[in-house]
Amino acid sequence: MKKNRKLFSAFLSVTQVLFLVFIVFLLIGIKDTYAQSQTLQPVEYNKDQLVKMAVQGQISEARMSYPPYRIGADGKLSVIPGTESIVYNFRTGDSAVNMAGDHIEPAVTLRHPSSPDSPESRGFTFLSCIGNTVRVLTGEAKGELGYVIGKHGDPRVMVDFKDPEVLKKLTLDDKMHIYAHGVGMEFTNVEGVKIMSTSPTLIDALTEAGMGVTPDGKLQVNVALKVPAKIMGSGLRRSHSHSGDYDIQMFDEEIVKKYNLDKLRFGDIVAIINADVSYGRIYRTGAITIGVVSHGNSVIAGHGPGVTTLFTSTDGNIEPVLDSDANLKNLLFK
């Protein structure tokens, strides 16, 4: 009995010591995190030089090819919904992976009514920036305000609204006005980081969520997930990254599991490691690109959830910090 009591006392002593060690490390971690947050400086950029312009688009109708089959990377044929239209049940913050669809564009997709190659259509897509305010011009939802949440290809811009009831009021004839603001943005206190498709509204939201400049001059950004550039696919052949997107291939199960890519959501801010998209999209060791997930998964070889570029640094002057809340739903639709 005495022996058991001694063993029990020894166990309690060890447990108490381990608990105290845990508390000490926890407090040190909190202190370091707090100290780090206090040393970050707000980003500075040429805000007063940025031009705000009007661009306008119309809700795009759903499209299907003929025959309707999509050939998967595994050789299987699928008949599933694709791009454009109004998507009611996959919006900002929802899964971009687990759906019976291919390249699904969340919430509402807009196009310019002219041909995709026209200067007017180019202006619509190039000038629209993530976080730009969108106003409905026609129909039952006239006057409702939302935000640009992504780009896909050259002709398409996706928008969403805080109130899901707005989507139910929209029709395919409705037009929307975008207050295009952000193109030409340059950081003035961060070296070696290019900005694309990013609005002042998004800069403010990211800053409130923890973005800033570290003491050694790096841009620190909270991201939901990190993605290795080696699995990036569609979008590689482009000579620029100011519109469209860059697809995350999801066909390697080990990589998907290792990086938790099955958890990708529409609106997630992600870091693509070893990706430089300064003048087209390339693999470059040490480079970092930050983007937002703008369209859904695909069964087609070389494709997957699409990422619209926000920031890129050839020299890796970006420091991504994992944060599961780094999503446009939390940044724009609070």
C-alpha atoms as a PDB file:
ATOM      1  CA  MET A   1       0.000   0.000   0.000  1.00  0.00           C
ATOM      2  CA  LYS A   2       2.803   2.451   0.969  1.00  0.00           C
ATOM      3  CA  LYS A   3       4.630   1.568  -2.218  1.00  0.00           C
ATOM      4  CA  ASN A   4       1.522   2.389  -4.268  1.00  0.00           C
ATOM      5  CA  ARG A   5       1.130   5.708  -2.448  1.00  0.00           C
ATOM      6  CA  LYS A   6       4.746   6.599  -3.215  1.00  0.00           C
ATOM      7  CA  LEU A   7       4.256   5.719  -6.867  1.00  0.00           C
ATOM      8  CA  PHE A   8       1.069   7.783  -6.979  1.00  0.00           C
ATOM      9  CA  SER A   9       2.821  10.751  -5.347  1.00  0.00           C
ATOM     10  CA  ALA A  10       5.696  10.450  -7.798  1.00  0.00           C
ATOM     11  CA  PHE A  11       3.211  10.351 -10.678  1.00  0.00           C
ATOM     12  CA  LEU A  12       1.507  13.497  -9.380  1.00  0.00           C
ATOM     13  CA  SER A  13       4.853  15.249  -9.051  1.00  0.00           C
ATOM     14  CA  VAL A  14       5.847  14.408 -12.605  1.00  0.00           C
ATOM     15  CA  THR A  15       2.423  15.447 -13.887  1.00  0.00           C
ATOM     16  CA  GLN A  16       2.602  18.752 -12.045  1.00  0.00           C
ATOM     17  CA  VAL A  17       6.070  19.460 -13.405  1.00  0.00           C
ATOM     18  CA  LEU A  18       4.970  18.672 -16.967  1.00  0.00           C
ATOM     19  CA  PHE A  19       1.905  20.892 -16.528  1.00  0.00           C
ATOM     20  CA  LEU A  20       4.050  23.763 -15.294  1.00  0.00           C
ATOM     21  CA  VAL A  21       6.448  23.301 -18.225  1.00  0.00           C
ATOM     22  CA  PHE A  22       3.475  23.359 -20.603  1.00  0.00           C
ATOM     23  CA  ILE A  23       2.184  26.595 -19.042  1.00  0.00           C
ATOM     24  CA  VAL A  24       5.617  28.221 -19.303  1.00  0.00           C
ATOM     25  CA  PHE A  25       5.967  27.323 -22.990  1.00  0.00           C
ATOM     26  CA  LEU A  26       2.404  28.486 -23.637  1.00  0.00           C
ATOM     27  CA  LEU A  27       3.105  31.853 -22.007  1.00  0.00           C
ATOM     28  CA  ILE A  28       6.354  32.209 -23.947  1.00  0.00           C
ATOM     29  CA  GLY A  29       4.503  31.487 -27.183  1.00  0.00           C
ATOM     30  CA  ILE A  30       1.814  34.036 -26.394  1.00  0.00           C
ATOM     31  CA  LYS A  31       4.468  36.588 -25.475  1.00  0.00           C
ATOM     32  CA  ASP A  32       6.412  35.963 -28.691  1.00  0.00           C
ATOM     33  CA  THR A  33       3.249  36.200 -30.799  1.00  0.00           C
ATOM     34  CA  TYR A  34       2.247  39.417 -29.079  1.00  0.00           C
ATOM     35  CA  ALA A  35       5.738  40.863 -29.463  1.00  0.00           C
ATOM     36  CA  GLN A  36       5.769  39.917 -33.133  1.00  0.00           C
ATOM     37  CA  SER A  37       2.395  41.581 -33.736  1.00  0.00           C
ATOM     38  CA  GLN A  38       3.642  44.731 -32.013  1.00  0.00           C
ATOM     39  CA  THR A  39       6.702  44.979 -34.259  1.00  0.00           C
ATOM     40  CA  LEU A  40       4.770  44.806 -37.543  1.00  0.00           C
ATOM     41  CA  GLN A  41       4.419  48.094 -39.371  1.00  0.00           C
ATOM     42  CA  PRO A  42       1.328  48.847 -41.484  1.00  0.00           C
ATOM     43  CA  VAL A  43       1.897  48.547 -45.232  1.00  0.00           C
ATOM     44  CA  GLU A  44       2.183  51.813 -47.114  1.00  0.00           C
ATOM     45  CA  TYR A  45       1.259  52.234 -50.762  1.00  0.00           C
ATOM     46  CA  ASN A  46       0.474  54.910 -53.345  1.00  0.00           C
ATOM     47  CA  LYS A  47      -3.150  55.233 -52.229  1.00  0.00           C
ATOM     48  CA  ASP A  48      -3.630  58.834 -53.360  1.00  0.00           C
ATOM     49  CA  GLN A  49      -2.412  58.016 -56.869  1.00  0.00           C
ATOM     50  CA  LEU A  50      -4.867  55.181 -57.531  1.00  0.00           C
ATOM     51  CA  VAL A  51      -7.610  55.863 -60.077  1.00  0.00           C
ATOM     52  CA  LYS A  52     -11.162  54.712 -59.359  1.00  0.00           C
ATOM     53  CA  MET A  53     -13.118  53.902 -62.528  1.00  0.00           C
ATOM     54  CA  ALA A  54     -16.471  52.442 -63.496  1.00  0.00           C
ATOM     55  CA  VAL A  55     -16.737  49.092 -65.242  1.00  0.00           C
ATOM     56  CA  GLN A  56     -19.937  47.192 -65.844  1.00  0.00           C
ATOM     57  CA  GLY A  57     -20.893  43.591 -66.441  1.00  0.00           C
ATOM     58  CA  GLN A  58     -23.905  41.360 -66.873  1.00  0.00           C
ATOM     59  CA  ILE A  59     -24.677  38.035 -65.207  1.00  0.00           C
ATOM     60  CA  SER A  60     -23.396  35.274 -67.443  1.00  0.00           C
ATOM     61  CA  GLU A  61     -25.541  32.286 -68.373  1.00  0.00           C
ATOM     62  CA  ALA A  62     -24.516  28.733 -67.533  1.00  0.00           C
ATOM     63  CA  ARG A  63     -22.621  26.994 -70.330  1.00  0.00           C
ATOM     64  CA  MET A  64     -22.184  23.379 -71.383  1.00  0.00           C
ATOM     65  CA  SER A  65     -20.274  21.922 -74.313  1.00  0.00           C
ATOM     66  CA  TYR A  66     -21.637  19.284 -76.707  1.00  0.00           C
ATOM     67  CA  PRO A  67     -21.374  16.422 -76.097  1.00  0.00           C
ATOM     68  CA  PRO A  68     -21.679  17.222 -72.382  1.00  0.00           C
ATOM     69  CA  TYR A  69     -18.929  14.863 -71.178  1.00  0.00           C
ATOM     70  CA  ARG A  70     -15.807  15.989 -69.362  1.00  0.00           C
ATOM     71  CA  ILE A  71     -12.872  13.605 -69.642  1.00  0.00           C
ATOM     72  CA  GLY A  72     -11.201  13.172 -66.253  1.00  0.00           C
ATOM     73  CA  ALA A  73      -7.502  12.644 -65.605  1.00  0.00           C
ATOM     74  CA  ASP A  74      -8.429   9.037 -64.756  1.00  0.00           C
ATOM     75  CA  GLY A  75     -10.163   8.518 -68.118  1.00  0.00           C
ATOM     76  CA  LYS A  76     -13.690   8.615 -66.676  1.00  0.00           C
ATOM     77  CA  LEU A  77     -16.471  10.608 -68.300  1.00  0.00           C
ATOM     78  CA  SER A  78     -18.567  12.999 -66.199  1.00  0.00           C
ATOM     79  CA  VAL A  79     -21.671  15.050 -66.909  1.00  0.00           C
ATOM     80  CA  ILE A  80     -21.610  17.802 -64.283  1.00  0.00           C
ATOM     81  CA  PRO A  81     -22.267  21.561 -64.067  1.00  0.00           C
ATOM     82  CA  GLY A  82     -19.503  23.916 -65.138  1.00  0.00           C
ATOM     83  CA  THR A  83     -18.776  27.620 -65.236  1.00  0.00           C
ATOM     84  CA  GLU A  84     -20.835  30.810 -64.877  1.00  0.00           C
ATOM     85  CA  SER A  85     -24.427  31.696 -63.925  1.00  0.00           C
ATOM     86  CA  ILE A  86     -25.707  32.227 -60.348  1.00  0.00           C
ATOM     87  CA  VAL A  87     -24.534  29.525 -57.928  1.00  0.00           C
ATOM     88  CA  TYR A  88     -26.742  29.540 -54.832  1.00  0.00           C
ATOM     89  CA  ASN A  89     -25.180  26.898 -52.610  1.00  0.00           C
ATOM     90  CA  PHE A  90     -21.420  27.313 -53.128  1.00  0.00           C
ATOM     91  CA  ARG A  91     -20.302  30.763 -52.093  1.00  0.00           C
ATOM     92  CA  THR A  92     -17.458  32.500 -50.288  1.00  0.00           C
ATOM     93  CA  GLY A  93     -16.262  30.297 -47.407  1.00  0.00           C
ATOM     94  CA  ASP A  94     -17.735  27.076 -48.845  1.00  0.00           C
ATOM     95  CA  SER A  95     -15.710  24.083 -50.037  1.00  0.00           C
ATOM     96  CA  ALA A  96     -13.967  24.579 -53.385  1.00  0.00           C
ATOM     97  CA  VAL A  97     -13.272  20.842 -53.595  1.00  0.00           C
ATOM     98  CA  ASN A  98     -16.199  18.701 -52.487  1.00  0.00           C
ATOM     99  CA  MET A  99     -18.854  19.239 -55.126  1.00  0.00           C
ATOM    100  CA  ALA A 100     -20.332  17.528 -58.185  1.00  0.00           C
ATOM    101  CA  GLY A 101     -19.135  20.255 -60.502  1.00  0.00           C
ATOM    102  CA  ASP A 102     -16.166  21.330 -62.614  1.00  0.00           C
ATOM    103  CA  HIS A 103     -14.571  24.810 -62.433  1.00  0.00           C
ATOM    104  CA  ILE A 104     -17.606  26.033 -60.487  1.00  0.00           C
ATOM    105  CA  GLU A 105     -17.549  29.802 -60.002  1.00  0.00           C
ATOM    106  CA  PRO A 106     -18.998  30.785 -56.602  1.00  0.00           C
ATOM    107  CA  ALA A 107     -21.988  33.104 -56.147  1.00  0.00           C
ATOM    108  CA  VAL A 108     -22.405  35.264 -59.292  1.00  0.00           C
ATOM    109  CA  THR A 109     -20.356  35.387 -62.495  1.00  0.00           C
ATOM    110  CA  LEU A 110     -20.254  38.558 -64.588  1.00  0.00           C
ATOM    111  CA  ARG A 111     -19.096  39.092 -68.169  1.00  0.00           C
ATOM    112  CA  HIS A 112     -18.820  42.173 -70.305  1.00  0.00           C
ATOM    113  CA  PRO A 113     -21.419  41.912 -73.096  1.00  0.00           C
ATOM    114  CA  SER A 114     -18.809  42.391 -75.860  1.00  0.00           C
ATOM    115  CA  SER A 115     -16.543  39.625 -77.144  1.00  0.00           C
ATOM    116  CA  PRO A 116     -13.895  38.333 -74.711  1.00  0.00           C
ATOM    117  CA  ASP A 117     -11.077  39.748 -76.860  1.00  0.00           C
ATOM    118  CA  SER A 118     -12.494  43.274 -77.081  1.00  0.00           C
ATOM    119  CA  PRO A 119     -10.756  46.207 -75.327  1.00  0.00           C
ATOM    120  CA  GLU A 120     -13.956  46.774 -73.332  1.00  0.00           C
ATOM    121  CA  SER A 121     -14.009  43.206 -72.051  1.00  0.00           C
ATOM    122  CA  ARG A 122     -10.286  43.388 -71.228  1.00  0.00           C
ATOM    123  CA  GLY A 123     -10.904  46.611 -69.330  1.00  0.00           C
ATOM    124  CA  PHE A 124     -13.712  44.976 -67.362  1.00  0.00           C
ATOM    125  CA  THR A 125     -11.570  42.060 -66.180  1.00  0.00           C
ATOM    126  CA  PHE A 126      -8.168  43.756 -65.842  1.00  0.00           C
ATOM    127  CA  LEU A 127      -9.472  46.738 -63.867  1.00  0.00           C
ATOM    128  CA  SER A 128     -11.707  44.764 -61.476  1.00  0.00           C
ATOM    129  CA  CYS A 129      -9.879  44.034 -58.215  1.00  0.00           C
ATOM    130  CA  ILE A 130     -10.624  41.671 -55.341  1.00  0.00           C
ATOM    131  CA  GLY A 131     -12.590  43.630 -52.739  1.00  0.00           C
ATOM    132  CA  ASN A 132     -14.012  46.221 -55.146  1.00  0.00           C
ATOM    133  CA  THR A 133     -17.564  47.280 -54.306  1.00  0.00           C
ATOM    134  CA  VAL A 134     -20.258  46.017 -56.700  1.00  0.00           C
ATOM    135  CA  ARG A 135     -23.723  47.594 -57.083  1.00  0.00           C
ATOM    136  CA  VAL A 136     -26.693  45.858 -58.705  1.00  0.00           C
ATOM    137  CA  LEU A 137     -28.182  48.144 -61.364  1.00  0.00           C
ATOM    138  CA  THR A 138     -31.343  46.305 -62.412  1.00  0.00           C
ATOM    139  CA  GLY A 139     -34.129  44.010 -61.261  1.00  0.00           C
ATOM    140  CA  GLU A 140     -35.512  43.142 -57.861  1.00  0.00           C
ATOM    141  CA  ALA A 141     -32.076  43.391 -56.208  1.00  0.00           C
ATOM    142  CA  LYS A 142     -31.356  46.869 -57.598  1.00  0.00           C
ATOM    143  CA  GLY A 143     -29.155  48.888 -55.246  1.00  0.00           C
ATOM    144  CA  GLU A 144     -27.730  45.891 -53.340  1.00  0.00           C
ATOM    145  CA  LEU A 145     -23.983  46.064 -52.673  1.00  0.00           C
ATOM    146  CA  GLY A 146     -21.447  43.235 -52.821  1.00  0.00           C
ATOM    147  CA  TYR A 147     -17.756  42.642 -53.516  1.00  0.00           C
ATOM    148  CA  VAL A 148     -15.550  41.225 -56.265  1.00  0.00           C
ATOM    149  CA  ILE A 149     -14.246  37.863 -54.989  1.00  0.00           C
ATOM    150  CA  GLY A 150     -12.322  36.429 -57.951  1.00  0.00           C
ATOM    151  CA  LYS A 151     -11.440  36.262 -61.633  1.00  0.00           C
ATOM    152  CA  HIS A 152     -11.506  33.285 -63.986  1.00  0.00           C
ATOM    153  CA  GLY A 153     -10.116  33.386 -67.496  1.00  0.00           C
ATOM    154  CA  ASP A 154     -10.023  36.802 -69.130  1.00  0.00           C
ATOM    155  CA  PRO A 155     -13.747  37.426 -69.539  1.00  0.00           C
ATOM    156  CA  ARG A 156     -15.174  36.559 -66.113  1.00  0.00           C
ATOM    157  CA  VAL A 157     -15.386  38.261 -62.719  1.00  0.00           C
ATOM    158  CA  MET A 158     -17.084  36.687 -59.691  1.00  0.00           C
ATOM    159  CA  VAL A 159     -18.991  38.675 -57.064  1.00  0.00           C
ATOM    160  CA  ASP A 160     -20.746  37.808 -53.809  1.00  0.00           C
ATOM    161  CA  PHE A 161     -23.050  39.456 -51.286  1.00  0.00           C
ATOM    162  CA  LYS A 162     -23.216  39.261 -47.508  1.00  0.00           C
ATOM    163  CA  ASP A 163     -26.942  38.469 -47.579  1.00  0.00           C
ATOM    164  CA  PRO A 164     -27.653  35.184 -49.406  1.00  0.00           C
ATOM    165  CA  GLU A 165     -31.199  36.396 -50.126  1.00  0.00           C
ATOM    166  CA  VAL A 166     -29.742  38.808 -52.711  1.00  0.00           C
ATOM    167  CA  LEU A 167     -28.840  35.850 -54.945  1.00  0.00           C
ATOM    168  CA  LYS A 168     -32.471  34.722 -54.961  1.00  0.00           C
ATOM    169  CA  LYS A 169     -33.558  38.128 -56.276  1.00  0.00           C
ATOM    170  CA  LEU A 170     -31.117  38.185 -59.172  1.00  0.00           C
ATOM    171  CA  THR A 171     -31.882  37.070 -62.723  1.00  0.00           C
ATOM    172  CA  LEU A 172     -29.632  36.360 -65.694  1.00  0.00           C
ATOM    173  CA  ASP A 173     -30.614  39.715 -67.254  1.00  0.00           C
ATOM    174  CA  ASP A 174     -29.269  41.774 -64.365  1.00  0.00           C
ATOM    175  CA  LYS A 175     -26.367  44.187 -64.765  1.00  0.00           C
ATOM    176  CA  MET A 176     -23.847  45.258 -62.123  1.00  0.00           C
ATOM    177  CA  HIS A 177     -21.568  48.268 -61.723  1.00  0.00           C
ATOM    178  CA  ILE A 178     -18.064  47.732 -60.308  1.00  0.00           C
ATOM    179  CA  TYR A 179     -16.141  50.570 -58.704  1.00  0.00           C
ATOM    180  CA  ALA A 180     -12.790  49.441 -60.126  1.00  0.00           C
ATOM    181  CA  HIS A 181     -10.019  50.609 -57.806  1.00  0.00           C
ATOM    182  CA  GLY A 182      -6.560  49.170 -57.199  1.00  0.00           C
ATOM    183  CA  VAL A 183      -4.757  48.692 -60.520  1.00  0.00           C
ATOM    184  CA  GLY A 184      -1.422  50.517 -60.337  1.00  0.00           C
ATOM    185  CA  MET A 185      -1.001  49.875 -56.610  1.00  0.00           C
ATOM    186  CA  GLU A 186       2.617  49.707 -55.392  1.00  0.00           C
ATOM    187  CA  PHE A 187       3.995  49.231 -51.890  1.00  0.00           C
ATOM    188  CA  THR A 188       6.222  52.086 -50.746  1.00  0.00           C
ATOM    189  CA  ASN A 189       7.664  50.400 -47.638  1.00  0.00           C
ATOM    190  CA  VAL A 190       8.124  46.829 -48.940  1.00  0.00           C
ATOM    191  CA  GLU A 191      10.768  45.953 -51.525  1.00  0.00           C
ATOM    192  CA  GLY A 192      10.438  43.289 -54.199  1.00  0.00           C
ATOM    193  CA  VAL A 193       6.695  42.604 -53.927  1.00  0.00           C
ATOM    194  CA  LYS A 194       4.359  43.151 -56.891  1.00  0.00           C
ATOM    195  CA  ILE A 195       0.617  43.709 -56.375  1.00  0.00           C
ATOM    196  CA  MET A 196      -2.125  42.501 -58.730  1.00  0.00           C
ATOM    197  CA  SER A 197      -5.926  42.649 -58.664  1.00  0.00           C
ATOM    198  CA  THR A 198      -5.921  43.977 -55.077  1.00  0.00           C
ATOM    199  CA  SER A 199      -8.218  46.778 -53.874  1.00  0.00           C
ATOM    200  CA  PRO A 200      -7.575  49.260 -51.050  1.00  0.00           C
ATOM    201  CA  THR A 201     -10.563  47.661 -49.312  1.00  0.00           C
ATOM    202  CA  LEU A 202      -8.813  44.287 -49.274  1.00  0.00           C
ATOM    203  CA  ILE A 203      -5.542  45.871 -48.109  1.00  0.00           C
ATOM    204  CA  ASP A 204      -7.406  47.373 -45.132  1.00  0.00           C
ATOM    205  CA  ALA A 205      -9.083  44.048 -44.323  1.00  0.00           C
ATOM    206  CA  LEU A 206      -5.837  42.066 -44.557  1.00  0.00           C
ATOM    207  CA  THR A 207      -4.079  44.639 -42.363  1.00  0.00           C
ATOM    208  CA  GLU A 208      -6.803  44.386 -39.719  1.00  0.00           C
ATOM    209  CA  ALA A 209      -6.395  40.595 -39.849  1.00  0.00           C
ATOM    210  CA  GLY A 210      -2.638  40.771 -39.199  1.00  0.00           C
ATOM    211  CA  MET A 211      -0.844  41.758 -42.405  1.00  0.00           C
ATOM    212  CA  GLY A 212       2.116  44.080 -41.999  1.00  0.00           C
ATOM    213  CA  VAL A 213       5.798  44.680 -42.592  1.00  0.00           C
ATOM    214  CA  THR A 214       8.284  42.801 -40.402  1.00  0.00           C
ATOM    215  CA  PRO A 215      11.408  44.482 -38.905  1.00  0.00           C
ATOM    216  CA  ASP A 216      13.498  42.907 -41.683  1.00  0.00           C
ATOM    217  CA  GLY A 217      11.242  44.372 -44.379  1.00  0.00           C
ATOM    218  CA  LYS A 218       9.165  41.345 -45.331  1.00  0.00           C
ATOM    219  CA  LEU A 219       5.451  41.446 -46.082  1.00  0.00           C
ATOM    220  CA  GLN A 220       3.778  39.190 -43.504  1.00  0.00           C
ATOM    221  CA  VAL A 221       0.406  37.840 -44.641  1.00  0.00           C
ATOM    222  CA  ASN A 222      -2.005  35.434 -42.957  1.00  0.00           C
ATOM    223  CA  VAL A 223      -2.943  32.506 -45.214  1.00  0.00           C
ATOM    224  CA  ALA A 224      -5.348  29.620 -44.797  1.00  0.00           C
ATOM    225  CA  LEU A 225      -3.061  27.098 -46.526  1.00  0.00           C
ATOM    226  CA  LYS A 226       0.319  26.753 -48.192  1.00  0.00           C
ATOM    227  CA  VAL A 227       0.542  25.124 -51.628  1.00  0.00           C
ATOM    228  CA  PRO A 228       3.709  23.783 -53.327  1.00  0.00           C
ATOM    229  CA  ALA A 229       4.260  25.315 -56.773  1.00  0.00           C
ATOM    230  CA  LYS A 230       5.181  21.914 -58.194  1.00  0.00           C
ATOM    231  CA  ILE A 231       1.492  20.949 -58.396  1.00  0.00           C
ATOM    232  CA  MET A 232       0.288  24.160 -60.056  1.00  0.00           C
ATOM    233  CA  GLY A 233      -1.222  23.641 -63.497  1.00  0.00           C
ATOM    234  CA  SER A 234      -3.500  25.576 -65.848  1.00  0.00           C
ATOM    235  CA  GLY A 235      -2.453  29.208 -66.257  1.00  0.00           C
ATOM    236  CA  LEU A 236       1.257  28.508 -66.684  1.00  0.00           C
ATOM    237  CA  ARG A 237       1.429  29.563 -70.333  1.00  0.00           C
ATOM    238  CA  ARG A 238       0.246  33.129 -69.748  1.00  0.00           C
ATOM    239  CA  SER A 239       2.621  36.086 -70.109  1.00  0.00           C
ATOM    240  CA  HIS A 240       0.949  38.009 -67.266  1.00  0.00           C
ATOM    241  CA  SER A 241      -1.064  37.383 -64.095  1.00  0.00           C
ATOM    242  CA  HIS A 242      -3.293  40.478 -63.955  1.00  0.00           C
ATOM    243  CA  SER A 243      -6.418  38.506 -64.834  1.00  0.00           C
ATOM    244  CA  GLY A 244      -7.484  34.906 -64.849  1.00  0.00           C
ATOM    245  CA  ASP A 245      -6.161  32.325 -62.394  1.00  0.00           C
ATOM    246  CA  TYR A 246      -3.643  29.574 -61.689  1.00  0.00           C
ATOM    247  CA  ASP A 247      -4.938  26.051 -60.934  1.00  0.00           C
ATOM    248  CA  ILE A 248      -3.992  23.799 -58.003  1.00  0.00           C
ATOM    249  CA  GLN A 249      -3.853  20.206 -59.281  1.00  0.00           C
ATOM    250  CA  MET A 250      -5.457  17.799 -56.823  1.00  0.00           C
ATOM    251  CA  PHE A 251      -4.509  14.456 -58.390  1.00  0.00           C
ATOM    252  CA  ASP A 252      -1.629  13.485 -56.058  1.00  0.00           C
ATOM    253  CA  GLU A 253      -3.290  12.075 -52.940  1.00  0.00           C
ATOM    254  CA  GLU A 254      -0.140  12.256 -50.793  1.00  0.00           C
ATOM    255  CA  ILE A 255       0.388  15.947 -51.555  1.00  0.00           C
ATOM    256  CA  VAL A 256      -3.300  16.724 -50.988  1.00  0.00           C
ATOM    257  CA  LYS A 257      -3.136  15.037 -47.571  1.00  0.00           C
ATOM    258  CA  LYS A 258       0.223  16.580 -46.614  1.00  0.00           C
ATOM    259  CA  TYR A 259      -0.928  20.157 -47.315  1.00  0.00           C
ATOM    260  CA  ASN A 260      -4.609  19.681 -46.292  1.00  0.00           C
ATOM    261  CA  LEU A 261      -5.716  20.760 -49.760  1.00  0.00           C
ATOM    262  CA  ASP A 262      -9.027  18.928 -49.418  1.00  0.00           C
ATOM    263  CA  LYS A 263      -9.956  21.777 -47.043  1.00  0.00           C
ATOM    264  CA  LEU A 264      -9.643  24.495 -49.710  1.00  0.00           C
ATOM    265  CA  ARG A 265     -12.552  26.954 -49.654  1.00  0.00           C
ATOM    266  CA  PHE A 266     -13.746  29.662 -52.000  1.00  0.00           C
ATOM    267  CA  GLY A 267     -12.175  32.898 -50.790  1.00  0.00           C
ATOM    268  CA  ASP A 268      -9.220  31.273 -49.013  1.00  0.00           C
ATOM    269  CA  ILE A 269      -6.052  33.367 -49.009  1.00  0.00           C
ATOM    270  CA  VAL A 270      -3.268  30.926 -49.923  1.00  0.00           C
ATOM    271  CA  ALA A 271       0.518  31.034 -50.331  1.00  0.00           C
ATOM    272  CA  ILE A 272       2.062  29.271 -53.317  1.00  0.00           C
ATOM    273  CA  ILE A 273       5.601  28.338 -52.334  1.00  0.00           C
ATOM    274  CA  ASN A 274       8.330  28.640 -55.023  1.00  0.00           C
ATOM    275  CA  ALA A 275       5.974  30.394 -57.458  1.00  0.00           C
ATOM    276  CA  ASP A 276       6.890  33.656 -59.185  1.00  0.00           C
ATOM    277  CA  VAL A 277       4.071  35.205 -61.224  1.00  0.00           C
ATOM    278  CA  SER A 278       5.632  38.621 -61.860  1.00  0.00           C
ATOM    279  CA  TYR A 279       5.495  38.284 -65.661  1.00  0.00           C
ATOM    280  CA  GLY A 280       3.574  35.093 -66.214  1.00  0.00           C
ATOM    281  CA  ARG A 281       3.531  32.091 -63.914  1.00  0.00           C
ATOM    282  CA  ILE A 282       6.740  30.143 -63.356  1.00  0.00           C
ATOM    283  CA  TYR A 283       8.427  27.852 -60.820  1.00  0.00           C
ATOM    284  CA  ARG A 284      11.287  29.664 -59.047  1.00  0.00           C
ATOM    285  CA  THR A 285      12.976  28.395 -55.877  1.00  0.00           C
ATOM    286  CA  GLY A 286      12.487  30.851 -53.011  1.00  0.00           C
ATOM    287  CA  ALA A 287       9.741  32.887 -54.668  1.00  0.00           C
ATOM    288  CA  ILE A 288       6.373  33.342 -52.941  1.00  0.00           C
ATOM    289  CA  THR A 289       2.953  34.150 -54.382  1.00  0.00           C
ATOM    290  CA  ILE A 290      -0.185  35.034 -52.417  1.00  0.00           C
ATOM    291  CA  GLY A 291      -3.600  34.580 -54.014  1.00  0.00           C
ATOM    292  CA  VAL A 292      -7.268  33.910 -53.393  1.00  0.00           C
ATOM    293  CA  VAL A 293      -9.176  30.741 -54.360  1.00  0.00           C
ATOM    294  CA  SER A 294     -11.625  31.904 -57.007  1.00  0.00           C
ATOM    295  CA  HIS A 295     -13.075  28.815 -58.705  1.00  0.00           C
ATOM    296  CA  GLY A 296     -13.669  25.194 -57.821  1.00  0.00           C
ATOM    297  CA  ASN A 297     -12.029  21.834 -58.413  1.00  0.00           C
ATOM    298  CA  SER A 298     -11.835  20.032 -61.756  1.00  0.00           C
ATOM    299  CA  VAL A 299     -11.612  16.447 -62.994  1.00  0.00           C
ATOM    300  CA  ILE A 300      -9.654  17.551 -66.089  1.00  0.00           C
ATOM    301  CA  ALA A 301      -5.898  16.898 -66.209  1.00  0.00           C
ATOM    302  CA  GLY A 302      -3.832  19.958 -65.324  1.00  0.00           C
ATOM    303  CA  HIS A 303      -6.753  21.732 -63.658  1.00  0.00           C
ATOM    304  CA  GLY A 304      -8.134  22.218 -60.152  1.00  0.00           C
ATOM    305  CA  PRO A 305      -9.200  25.025 -57.789  1.00  0.00           C
ATOM    306  CA  GLY A 306      -8.139  28.345 -59.346  1.00  0.00           C
ATOM    307  CA  VAL A 307      -6.109  31.049 -57.570  1.00  0.00           C
ATOM    308  CA  THR A 308      -6.255  34.746 -58.515  1.00  0.00           C
ATOM    309  CA  THR A 309      -2.965  36.525 -57.758  1.00  0.00           C
ATOM    310  CA  LEU A 310      -2.748  39.245 -55.091  1.00  0.00           C
ATOM    311  CA  PHE A 311       0.994  39.550 -54.306  1.00  0.00           C
ATOM    312  CA  THR A 312       4.151  37.953 -55.684  1.00  0.00           C
ATOM    313  CA  SER A 313       7.845  38.212 -54.796  1.00  0.00           C
ATOM    314  CA  THR A 314      10.644  36.833 -56.934  1.00  0.00           C
ATOM    315  CA  ASP A 315      13.049  36.945 -53.982  1.00  0.00           C
ATOM    316  CA  GLY A 316      10.598  35.548 -51.443  1.00  0.00           C
ATOM    317  CA  ASN A 317      10.135  38.812 -49.568  1.00  0.00           C
ATOM    318  CA  ILE A 318       6.770  37.555 -48.314  1.00  0.00           C
ATOM    319  CA  GLU A 319       6.293  35.692 -45.039  1.00  0.00           C
ATOM    320  CA  PRO A 320       3.073  33.627 -45.000  1.00  0.00           C
ATOM    321  CA  VAL A 321       1.598  32.781 -41.573  1.00  0.00           C
ATOM    322  CA  LEU A 322      -0.989  30.011 -41.302  1.00  0.00           C
ATOM    323  CA  ASP A 323      -4.395  31.190 -40.094  1.00  0.00           C
ATOM    324  CA  SER A 324      -7.560  29.176 -40.769  1.00  0.00           C
ATOM    325  CA  ASP A 325      -9.619  32.398 -40.697  1.00  0.00           C
ATOM    326  CA  ALA A 326      -7.780  33.863 -43.703  1.00  0.00           C
ATOM    327  CA  ASN A 327     -10.790  33.843 -46.014  1.00  0.00           C
ATOM    328  CA  LEU A 328     -12.740  36.587 -47.805  1.00  0.00           C
ATOM    329  CA  LYS A 329     -15.832  35.608 -45.824  1.00  0.00           C
ATOM    330  CA  ASN A 330     -14.082  36.882 -42.685  1.00  0.00           C
ATOM    331  CA  LEU A 331     -12.238  39.719 -44.413  1.00  0.00           C
ATOM    332  CA  LEU A 332     -15.061  41.287 -46.463  1.00  0.00           C
ATOM    333  CA  PHE A 333     -18.378  39.874 -45.226  1.00  0.00           C
ATOM    334  CA  LYS A 334     -18.107  40.237 -41.441  1.00  0.00           C
END
